Amino acid sequence: MKFWAVLLFCIAVPSEIPGYLFGSMHYPFRKFLAAMAIAEAGYAFGIVVAGESLAIDRPLPFLIAVGILAVVAVLAGLVLRAVRKHKSGGLQRR
């Protein structure tokens, strides 16, 4: 599996799922660790911004940070779905 696909998967789903999945697939640990580090760094930054804005009682940065995190996760899921559909030749599963 290519690194960018692993990275998109790590961004799109909760962090426990990729650990179980790629561990059972015997995916190379260093590549998995790099993908998780990139994915989790983005979420960590967003959570820090959101938490700080709540601590100083400014809800707008909180809402923006949460919105950006949600959009990134949804876009990663949509890209994965599009890639999977493209690889299957555009045929829908029934």
PDB file of N, CA and C in Angstrom:
ATOM      1  N   MET A   1       0.848  -1.171   0.000  1.00  0.00           N
ATOM      2  CA  MET A   1       0.000   0.000   0.000  1.00  0.00           C
ATOM      3  C   MET A   1       0.898   1.240   0.000  1.00  0.00           C
ATOM      4  N   LYS A   2       0.530   2.217  -0.787  1.00  0.00           N
ATOM      5  CA  LYS A   2       1.351   3.415  -0.913  1.00  0.00           C
ATOM      6  C   LYS A   2       1.212   4.305   0.316  1.00  0.00           C
ATOM      7  N   PHE A   3       2.282   5.068   0.577  1.00  0.00           N
ATOM      8  CA  PHE A   3       2.339   5.899   1.770  1.00  0.00           C
ATOM      9  C   PHE A   3       1.224   6.935   1.802  1.00  0.00           C
ATOM     10  N   TRP A   4       0.939   7.575   0.679  1.00  0.00           N
ATOM     11  CA  TRP A   4      -0.074   8.625   0.676  1.00  0.00           C
ATOM     12  C   TRP A   4      -1.452   8.056   0.999  1.00  0.00           C
ATOM     13  N   ALA A   5      -1.720   6.824   0.577  1.00  0.00           N
ATOM     14  CA  ALA A   5      -2.999   6.192   0.897  1.00  0.00           C
ATOM     15  C   ALA A   5      -3.088   5.883   2.388  1.00  0.00           C
ATOM     16  N   VAL A   6      -1.979   5.457   2.962  1.00  0.00           N
ATOM     17  CA  VAL A   6      -1.944   5.204   4.405  1.00  0.00           C
ATOM     18  C   VAL A   6      -2.146   6.514   5.158  1.00  0.00           C
ATOM     19  N   LEU A   7      -1.503   7.577   4.692  1.00  0.00           N
ATOM     20  CA  LEU A   7      -1.649   8.884   5.327  1.00  0.00           C
ATOM     21  C   LEU A   7      -3.093   9.361   5.269  1.00  0.00           C
ATOM     22  N   LEU A   8      -3.730   9.254   4.112  1.00  0.00           N
ATOM     23  CA  LEU A   8      -5.132   9.649   4.002  1.00  0.00           C
ATOM     24  C   LEU A   8      -6.027   8.823   4.916  1.00  0.00           C
ATOM     25  N   PHE A   9      -5.749   7.535   5.000  1.00  0.00           N
ATOM     26  CA  PHE A   9      -6.541   6.674   5.881  1.00  0.00           C
ATOM     27  C   PHE A   9      -6.359   7.082   7.341  1.00  0.00           C
ATOM     28  N   CYS A  10      -5.124   7.395   7.726  1.00  0.00           N
ATOM     29  CA  CYS A  10      -4.857   7.817   9.104  1.00  0.00           C
ATOM     30  C   CYS A  10      -5.544   9.132   9.439  1.00  0.00           C
ATOM     31  N   ILE A  11      -5.681  10.005   8.463  1.00  0.00           N
ATOM     32  CA  ILE A  11      -6.373  11.271   8.683  1.00  0.00           C
ATOM     33  C   ILE A  11      -7.879  11.058   8.772  1.00  0.00           C
ATOM     34  N   ALA A  12      -8.406  10.144   7.967  1.00  0.00           N
ATOM     35  CA  ALA A  12      -9.849   9.984   7.833  1.00  0.00           C
ATOM     36  C   ALA A  12     -10.514   9.225   8.971  1.00  0.00           C
ATOM     37  N   VAL A  13      -9.791   8.378   9.678  1.00  0.00           N
ATOM     38  CA  VAL A  13     -10.423   7.544  10.707  1.00  0.00           C
ATOM     39  C   VAL A  13      -9.783   7.795  12.071  1.00  0.00           C
ATOM     40  N   PRO A  14     -10.466   7.406  13.154  1.00  0.00           N
ATOM     41  CA  PRO A  14      -9.864   7.553  14.482  1.00  0.00           C
ATOM     42  C   PRO A  14      -8.538   6.793  14.584  1.00  0.00           C
ATOM     43  N   SER A  15      -7.634   7.281  15.401  1.00  0.00           N
ATOM     44  CA  SER A  15      -6.249   6.802  15.403  1.00  0.00           C
ATOM     45  C   SER A  15      -6.069   5.353  15.862  1.00  0.00           C
ATOM     46  N   GLU A  16      -7.025   4.761  16.527  1.00  0.00           N
ATOM     47  CA  GLU A  16      -6.868   3.376  16.964  1.00  0.00           C
ATOM     48  C   GLU A  16      -7.006   2.402  15.795  1.00  0.00           C
ATOM     49  N   ILE A  17      -7.868   2.721  14.865  1.00  0.00           N
ATOM     50  CA  ILE A  17      -8.173   1.806  13.767  1.00  0.00           C
ATOM     51  C   ILE A  17      -6.958   1.548  12.868  1.00  0.00           C
ATOM     52  N   PRO A  18      -6.219   2.594  12.430  1.00  0.00           N
ATOM     53  CA  PRO A  18      -5.050   2.302  11.595  1.00  0.00           C
ATOM     54  C   PRO A  18      -4.007   1.444  12.311  1.00  0.00           C
ATOM     55  N   GLY A  19      -3.863   1.611  13.608  1.00  0.00           N
ATOM     56  CA  GLY A  19      -2.890   0.806  14.344  1.00  0.00           C
ATOM     57  C   GLY A  19      -3.211  -0.674  14.263  1.00  0.00           C
ATOM     58  N   TYR A  20      -4.471  -1.022  14.494  1.00  0.00           N
ATOM     59  CA  TYR A  20      -4.880  -2.424  14.411  1.00  0.00           C
ATOM     60  C   TYR A  20      -4.782  -2.939  12.979  1.00  0.00           C
ATOM     61  N   LEU A  21      -5.275  -2.145  12.038  1.00  0.00           N
ATOM     62  CA  LEU A  21      -5.318  -2.588  10.650  1.00  0.00           C
ATOM     63  C   LEU A  21      -3.924  -2.793  10.072  1.00  0.00           C
ATOM     64  N   PHE A  22      -3.066  -1.774  10.180  1.00  0.00           N
ATOM     65  CA  PHE A  22      -1.744  -1.888   9.561  1.00  0.00           C
ATOM     66  C   PHE A  22      -0.821  -2.810  10.345  1.00  0.00           C
ATOM     67  N   GLY A  23      -1.090  -2.983  11.626  1.00  0.00           N
ATOM     68  CA  GLY A  23      -0.340  -3.973  12.385  1.00  0.00           C
ATOM     69  C   GLY A  23      -0.661  -5.375  11.930  1.00  0.00           C
ATOM     70  N   SER A  24      -1.951  -5.635  11.664  1.00  0.00           N
ATOM     71  CA  SER A  24      -2.333  -6.974  11.205  1.00  0.00           C
ATOM     72  C   SER A  24      -1.876  -7.221   9.768  1.00  0.00           C
ATOM     73  N   MET A  25      -1.668  -6.140   9.001  1.00  0.00           N
ATOM     74  CA  MET A  25      -1.184  -6.283   7.621  1.00  0.00           C
ATOM     75  C   MET A  25       0.341  -6.347   7.552  1.00  0.00           C
ATOM     76  N   HIS A  26       0.999  -6.202   8.686  1.00  0.00           N
ATOM     77  CA  HIS A  26       2.467  -6.175   8.757  1.00  0.00           C
ATOM     78  C   HIS A  26       3.049  -5.058   7.883  1.00  0.00           C
ATOM     79  N   TYR A  27       2.382  -3.892   7.929  1.00  0.00           N
ATOM     80  CA  TYR A  27       2.869  -2.724   7.204  1.00  0.00           C
ATOM     81  C   TYR A  27       4.161  -2.250   7.873  1.00  0.00           C
ATOM     82  N   PRO A  28       5.138  -1.774   7.113  1.00  0.00           N
ATOM     83  CA  PRO A  28       6.408  -1.338   7.721  1.00  0.00           C
ATOM     84  C   PRO A  28       6.183  -0.276   8.805  1.00  0.00           C
ATOM     85  N   PHE A  29       6.759  -0.524   9.977  1.00  0.00           N
ATOM     86  CA  PHE A  29       6.489   0.310  11.137  1.00  0.00           C
ATOM     87  C   PHE A  29       6.922   1.752  10.936  1.00  0.00           C
ATOM     88  N   ARG A  30       8.075   1.978  10.325  1.00  0.00           N
ATOM     89  CA  ARG A  30       8.570   3.348  10.159  1.00  0.00           C
ATOM     90  C   ARG A  30       7.656   4.163   9.248  1.00  0.00           C
ATOM     91  N   LYS A  31       7.158   3.551   8.195  1.00  0.00           N
ATOM     92  CA  LYS A  31       6.227   4.255   7.312  1.00  0.00           C
ATOM     93  C   LYS A  31       4.919   4.548   8.041  1.00  0.00           C
ATOM     94  N   PHE A  32       4.444   3.568   8.801  1.00  0.00           N
ATOM     95  CA  PHE A  32       3.222   3.773   9.573  1.00  0.00           C
ATOM     96  C   PHE A  32       3.418   4.869  10.605  1.00  0.00           C
ATOM     97  N   LEU A  33       4.544   4.865  11.278  1.00  0.00           N
ATOM     98  CA  LEU A  33       4.828   5.876  12.287  1.00  0.00           C
ATOM     99  C   LEU A  33       4.889   7.269  11.667  1.00  0.00           C
ATOM    100  N   ALA A  34       5.480   7.373  10.488  1.00  0.00           N
ATOM    101  CA  ALA A  34       5.541   8.668   9.806  1.00  0.00           C
ATOM    102  C   ALA A  34       4.141   9.149   9.422  1.00  0.00           C
ATOM    103  N   ALA A  35       3.319   8.257   8.900  1.00  0.00           N
ATOM    104  CA  ALA A  35       1.953   8.636   8.527  1.00  0.00           C
ATOM    105  C   ALA A  35       1.146   9.060   9.748  1.00  0.00           C
ATOM    106  N   MET A  36       1.263   8.314  10.837  1.00  0.00           N
ATOM    107  CA  MET A  36       0.535   8.674  12.054  1.00  0.00           C
ATOM    108  C   MET A  36       1.038   9.990  12.634  1.00  0.00           C
ATOM    109  N   ALA A  37       2.343  10.227  12.565  1.00  0.00           N
ATOM    110  CA  ALA A  37       2.897  11.467  13.089  1.00  0.00           C
ATOM    111  C   ALA A  37       2.376  12.670  12.306  1.00  0.00           C
ATOM    112  N   ILE A  38       2.328  12.551  10.997  1.00  0.00           N
ATOM    113  CA  ILE A  38       1.815  13.654  10.175  1.00  0.00           C
ATOM    114  C   ILE A  38       0.327  13.885  10.449  1.00  0.00           C
ATOM    115  N   ALA A  39      -0.437  12.804  10.472  1.00  0.00           N
ATOM    116  CA  ALA A  39      -1.883  12.923  10.696  1.00  0.00           C
ATOM    117  C   ALA A  39      -2.191  13.475  12.081  1.00  0.00           C
ATOM    118  N   GLU A  40      -1.541  12.944  13.091  1.00  0.00           N
ATOM    119  CA  GLU A  40      -1.826  13.370  14.456  1.00  0.00           C
ATOM    120  C   GLU A  40      -1.292  14.768  14.754  1.00  0.00           C
ATOM    121  N   ALA A  41      -0.222  15.186  14.063  1.00  0.00           N
ATOM    122  CA  ALA A  41       0.306  16.543  14.281  1.00  0.00           C
ATOM    123  C   ALA A  41      -0.715  17.586  13.853  1.00  0.00           C
ATOM    124  N   GLY A  42      -1.377  17.335  12.746  1.00  0.00           N
ATOM    125  CA  GLY A  42      -2.415  18.263  12.302  1.00  0.00           C
ATOM    126  C   GLY A  42      -3.558  18.352  13.293  1.00  0.00           C
ATOM    127  N   TYR A  43      -4.007  17.198  13.768  1.00  0.00           N
ATOM    128  CA  TYR A  43      -5.088  17.201  14.750  1.00  0.00           C
ATOM    129  C   TYR A  43      -4.639  17.823  16.074  1.00  0.00           C
ATOM    130  N   ALA A  44      -3.419  17.543  16.489  1.00  0.00           N
ATOM    131  CA  ALA A  44      -2.917  18.105  17.746  1.00  0.00           C
ATOM    132  C   ALA A  44      -2.867  19.630  17.681  1.00  0.00           C
ATOM    133  N   PHE A  45      -2.390  20.161  16.558  1.00  0.00           N
ATOM    134  CA  PHE A  45      -2.349  21.611  16.397  1.00  0.00           C
ATOM    135  C   PHE A  45      -3.759  22.200  16.470  1.00  0.00           C
ATOM    136  N   GLY A  46      -4.697  21.571  15.783  1.00  0.00           N
ATOM    137  CA  GLY A  46      -6.082  22.054  15.813  1.00  0.00           C
ATOM    138  C   GLY A  46      -6.692  22.001  17.195  1.00  0.00           C
ATOM    139  N   ILE A  47      -6.419  20.942  17.925  1.00  0.00           N
ATOM    140  CA  ILE A  47      -6.961  20.814  19.284  1.00  0.00           C
ATOM    141  C   ILE A  47      -6.346  21.844  20.218  1.00  0.00           C
ATOM    142  N   VAL A  48      -5.059  22.126  20.057  1.00  0.00           N
ATOM    143  CA  VAL A  48      -4.413  23.143  20.890  1.00  0.00           C
ATOM    144  C   VAL A  48      -5.022  24.512  20.614  1.00  0.00           C
ATOM    145  N   VAL A  49      -5.235  24.837  19.354  1.00  0.00           N
ATOM    146  CA  VAL A  49      -5.854  26.122  19.010  1.00  0.00           C
ATOM    147  C   VAL A  49      -7.268  26.196  19.566  1.00  0.00           C
ATOM    148  N   ALA A  50      -8.030  25.114  19.411  1.00  0.00           N
ATOM    149  CA  ALA A  50      -9.400  25.090  19.917  1.00  0.00           C
ATOM    150  C   ALA A  50      -9.428  25.203  21.438  1.00  0.00           C
ATOM    151  N   GLY A  51      -8.562  24.484  22.116  1.00  0.00           N
ATOM    152  CA  GLY A  51      -8.524  24.545  23.584  1.00  0.00           C
ATOM    153  C   GLY A  51      -8.103  25.912  24.094  1.00  0.00           C
ATOM    154  N   GLU A  52      -7.127  26.510  23.437  1.00  0.00           N
ATOM    155  CA  GLU A  52      -6.677  27.837  23.856  1.00  0.00           C
ATOM    156  C   GLU A  52      -7.787  28.870  23.688  1.00  0.00           C
ATOM    157  N   SER A  53      -8.536  28.772  22.595  1.00  0.00           N
ATOM    158  CA  SER A  53      -9.606  29.738  22.379  1.00  0.00           C
ATOM    159  C   SER A  53     -10.733  29.564  23.394  1.00  0.00           C
ATOM    160  N   LEU A  54     -10.949  28.353  23.847  1.00  0.00           N
ATOM    161  CA  LEU A  54     -11.945  28.149  24.914  1.00  0.00           C
ATOM    162  C   LEU A  54     -11.441  28.682  26.244  1.00  0.00           C
ATOM    163  N   ALA A  55     -10.139  28.549  26.498  1.00  0.00           N
ATOM    164  CA  ALA A  55      -9.573  29.010  27.766  1.00  0.00           C
ATOM    165  C   ALA A  55      -9.638  30.525  27.891  1.00  0.00           C
ATOM    166  N   ILE A  56      -9.513  31.232  26.789  1.00  0.00           N
ATOM    167  CA  ILE A  56      -9.562  32.702  26.867  1.00  0.00           C
ATOM    168  C   ILE A  56     -10.934  33.229  26.462  1.00  0.00           C
ATOM    169  N   ASP A  57     -11.909  32.346  26.376  1.00  0.00           N
ATOM    170  CA  ASP A  57     -13.309  32.689  26.134  1.00  0.00           C
ATOM    171  C   ASP A  57     -13.514  33.420  24.810  1.00  0.00           C
ATOM    172  N   ARG A  58     -12.940  32.848  23.751  1.00  0.00           N
ATOM    173  CA  ARG A  58     -13.150  33.365  22.392  1.00  0.00           C
ATOM    174  C   ARG A  58     -13.640  32.212  21.528  1.00  0.00           C
ATOM    175  N   PRO A  59     -14.939  32.114  21.301  1.00  0.00           N
ATOM    176  CA  PRO A  59     -15.473  30.943  20.604  1.00  0.00           C
ATOM    177  C   PRO A  59     -15.194  30.901  19.101  1.00  0.00           C
ATOM    178  N   LEU A  60     -14.943  32.028  18.456  1.00  0.00           N
ATOM    179  CA  LEU A  60     -14.746  32.008  17.009  1.00  0.00           C
ATOM    180  C   LEU A  60     -13.532  31.178  16.582  1.00  0.00           C
ATOM    181  N   PRO A  61     -12.340  31.353  17.178  1.00  0.00           N
ATOM    182  CA  PRO A  61     -11.221  30.478  16.784  1.00  0.00           C
ATOM    183  C   PRO A  61     -11.505  29.000  17.061  1.00  0.00           C
ATOM    184  N   PHE A  62     -12.249  28.726  18.124  1.00  0.00           N
ATOM    185  CA  PHE A  62     -12.629  27.348  18.429  1.00  0.00           C
ATOM    186  C   PHE A  62     -13.465  26.760  17.301  1.00  0.00           C
ATOM    187  N   LEU A  63     -14.481  27.492  16.877  1.00  0.00           N
ATOM    188  CA  LEU A  63     -15.352  26.999  15.818  1.00  0.00           C
ATOM    189  C   LEU A  63     -14.607  26.854  14.497  1.00  0.00           C
ATOM    190  N   ILE A  64     -13.701  27.766  14.210  1.00  0.00           N
ATOM    191  CA  ILE A  64     -12.914  27.684  12.983  1.00  0.00           C
ATOM    192  C   ILE A  64     -12.002  26.455  13.017  1.00  0.00           C
ATOM    193  N   ALA A  65     -11.320  26.232  14.142  1.00  0.00           N
ATOM    194  CA  ALA A  65     -10.415  25.084  14.264  1.00  0.00           C
ATOM    195  C   ALA A  65     -11.170  23.764  14.142  1.00  0.00           C
ATOM    196  N   VAL A  66     -12.301  23.660  14.805  1.00  0.00           N
ATOM    197  CA  VAL A  66     -13.097  22.434  14.732  1.00  0.00           C
ATOM    198  C   VAL A  66     -13.629  22.237  13.312  1.00  0.00           C
ATOM    199  N   GLY A  67     -14.056  23.306  12.679  1.00  0.00           N
ATOM    200  CA  GLY A  67     -14.543  23.213  11.302  1.00  0.00           C
ATOM    201  C   GLY A  67     -13.464  22.750  10.341  1.00  0.00           C
ATOM    202  N   ILE A  68     -12.260  23.297  10.483  1.00  0.00           N
ATOM    203  CA  ILE A  68     -11.153  22.895   9.613  1.00  0.00           C
ATOM    204  C   ILE A  68     -10.806  21.430   9.822  1.00  0.00           C
ATOM    205  N   LEU A  69     -10.762  20.985  11.074  1.00  0.00           N
ATOM    206  CA  LEU A  69     -10.461  19.578  11.345  1.00  0.00           C
ATOM    207  C   LEU A  69     -11.515  18.665  10.738  1.00  0.00           C
ATOM    208  N   ALA A  70     -12.780  19.047  10.842  1.00  0.00           N
ATOM    209  CA  ALA A  70     -13.849  18.229  10.270  1.00  0.00           C
ATOM    210  C   ALA A  70     -13.746  18.181   8.746  1.00  0.00           C
ATOM    211  N   VAL A  71     -13.471  19.322   8.130  1.00  0.00           N
ATOM    212  CA  VAL A  71     -13.362  19.375   6.670  1.00  0.00           C
ATOM    213  C   VAL A  71     -12.194  18.517   6.192  1.00  0.00           C
ATOM    214  N   VAL A  72     -11.062  18.576   6.876  1.00  0.00           N
ATOM    215  CA  VAL A  72      -9.897  17.782   6.488  1.00  0.00           C
ATOM    216  C   VAL A  72     -10.215  16.290   6.578  1.00  0.00           C
ATOM    217  N   ALA A  73     -10.876  15.877   7.652  1.00  0.00           N
ATOM    218  CA  ALA A  73     -11.221  14.463   7.809  1.00  0.00           C
ATOM    219  C   ALA A  73     -12.192  14.005   6.729  1.00  0.00           C
ATOM    220  N   VAL A  74     -13.196  14.807   6.426  1.00  0.00           N
ATOM    221  CA  VAL A  74     -14.178  14.440   5.400  1.00  0.00           C
ATOM    222  C   VAL A  74     -13.521  14.390   4.023  1.00  0.00           C
ATOM    223  N   LEU A  75     -12.677  15.379   3.712  1.00  0.00           N
ATOM    224  CA  LEU A  75     -11.990  15.380   2.417  1.00  0.00           C
ATOM    225  C   LEU A  75     -11.079  14.168   2.255  1.00  0.00           C
ATOM    226  N   ALA A  76     -10.388  13.775   3.320  1.00  0.00           N
ATOM    227  CA  ALA A  76      -9.536  12.590   3.247  1.00  0.00           C
ATOM    228  C   ALA A  76     -10.375  11.350   2.962  1.00  0.00           C
ATOM    229  N   GLY A  77     -11.516  11.244   3.611  1.00  0.00           N
ATOM    230  CA  GLY A  77     -12.403  10.114   3.345  1.00  0.00           C
ATOM    231  C   GLY A  77     -12.932  10.104   1.926  1.00  0.00           C
ATOM    232  N   LEU A  78     -13.290  11.278   1.396  1.00  0.00           N
ATOM    233  CA  LEU A  78     -13.785  11.362   0.030  1.00  0.00           C
ATOM    234  C   LEU A  78     -12.703  11.022  -0.991  1.00  0.00           C
ATOM    235  N   VAL A  79     -11.475  11.458  -0.738  1.00  0.00           N
ATOM    236  CA  VAL A  79     -10.380  11.123  -1.646  1.00  0.00           C
ATOM    237  C   VAL A  79     -10.133   9.617  -1.644  1.00  0.00           C
ATOM    238  N   LEU A  80     -10.148   9.009  -0.473  1.00  0.00           N
ATOM    239  CA  LEU A  80      -9.974   7.554  -0.407  1.00  0.00           C
ATOM    240  C   LEU A  80     -11.082   6.832  -1.168  1.00  0.00           C
ATOM    241  N   ARG A  81     -12.305   7.305  -1.020  1.00  0.00           N
ATOM    242  CA  ARG A  81     -13.429   6.690  -1.730  1.00  0.00           C
ATOM    243  C   ARG A  81     -13.274   6.853  -3.241  1.00  0.00           C
ATOM    244  N   ALA A  82     -12.842   8.031  -3.684  1.00  0.00           N
ATOM    245  CA  ALA A  82     -12.659   8.270  -5.117  1.00  0.00           C
ATOM    246  C   ALA A  82     -11.547   7.391  -5.678  1.00  0.00           C
ATOM    247  N   VAL A  83     -10.466   7.236  -4.936  1.00  0.00           N
ATOM    248  CA  VAL A  83      -9.360   6.387  -5.395  1.00  0.00           C
ATOM    249  C   VAL A  83      -9.813   4.941  -5.488  1.00  0.00           C
ATOM    250  N   ARG A  84     -10.548   4.491  -4.499  1.00  0.00           N
ATOM    251  CA  ARG A  84     -11.038   3.111  -4.513  1.00  0.00           C
ATOM    252  C   ARG A  84     -12.001   2.892  -5.683  1.00  0.00           C
ATOM    253  N   LYS A  85     -12.858   3.876  -5.951  1.00  0.00           N
ATOM    254  CA  LYS A  85     -13.798   3.758  -7.064  1.00  0.00           C
ATOM    255  C   LYS A  85     -13.052   3.759  -8.394  1.00  0.00           C
ATOM    256  N   HIS A  86     -12.019   4.584  -8.503  1.00  0.00           N
ATOM    257  CA  HIS A  86     -11.229   4.654  -9.727  1.00  0.00           C
ATOM    258  C   HIS A  86     -10.488   3.348  -9.981  1.00  0.00           C
ATOM    259  N   LYS A  87      -9.938   2.746  -8.925  1.00  0.00           N
ATOM    260  CA  LYS A  87      -9.208   1.483  -9.076  1.00  0.00           C
ATOM    261  C   LYS A  87     -10.134   0.345  -9.467  1.00  0.00           C
ATOM    262  N   SER A  88     -11.394   0.399  -9.022  1.00  0.00           N
ATOM    263  CA  SER A  88     -12.325  -0.687  -9.351  1.00  0.00           C
ATOM    264  C   SER A  88     -12.922  -0.508 -10.748  1.00  0.00           C
ATOM    265  N   GLY A  89     -12.500   0.518 -11.453  1.00  0.00           N
ATOM    266  CA  GLY A  89     -13.002   0.729 -12.812  1.00  0.00           C
ATOM    267  C   GLY A  89     -14.313   1.471 -12.849  1.00  0.00           C
ATOM    268  N   GLY A  90     -14.704   2.092 -11.744  1.00  0.00           N
ATOM    269  CA  GLY A  90     -15.942   2.844 -11.715  1.00  0.00           C
ATOM    270  C   GLY A  90     -17.162   2.002 -11.447  1.00  0.00           C
ATOM    271  N   LEU A  91     -16.994   0.722 -11.231  1.00  0.00           N
ATOM    272  CA  LEU A  91     -18.136  -0.144 -10.969  1.00  0.00           C
ATOM    273  C   LEU A  91     -18.518  -0.070  -9.500  1.00  0.00           C
ATOM    274  N   GLN A  92     -19.803   0.003  -9.247  1.00  0.00           N
ATOM    275  CA  GLN A  92     -20.309   0.046  -7.880  1.00  0.00           C
ATOM    276  C   GLN A  92     -20.430  -1.358  -7.323  1.00  0.00           C
ATOM    277  N   ARG A  93     -20.124  -1.525  -6.060  1.00  0.00           N
ATOM    278  CA  ARG A  93     -20.355  -2.818  -5.392  1.00  0.00           C
ATOM    279  C   ARG A  93     -21.815  -2.917  -5.000  1.00  0.00           C
ATOM    280  N   ARG A  94     -22.340  -4.112  -5.044  1.00  0.00           N
ATOM    281  CA  ARG A  94     -23.744  -4.302  -4.642  1.00  0.00           C
ATOM    282  C   ARG A  94     -23.832  -5.210  -3.480  1.00  0.00           C
TER     283      ARG A  94
END
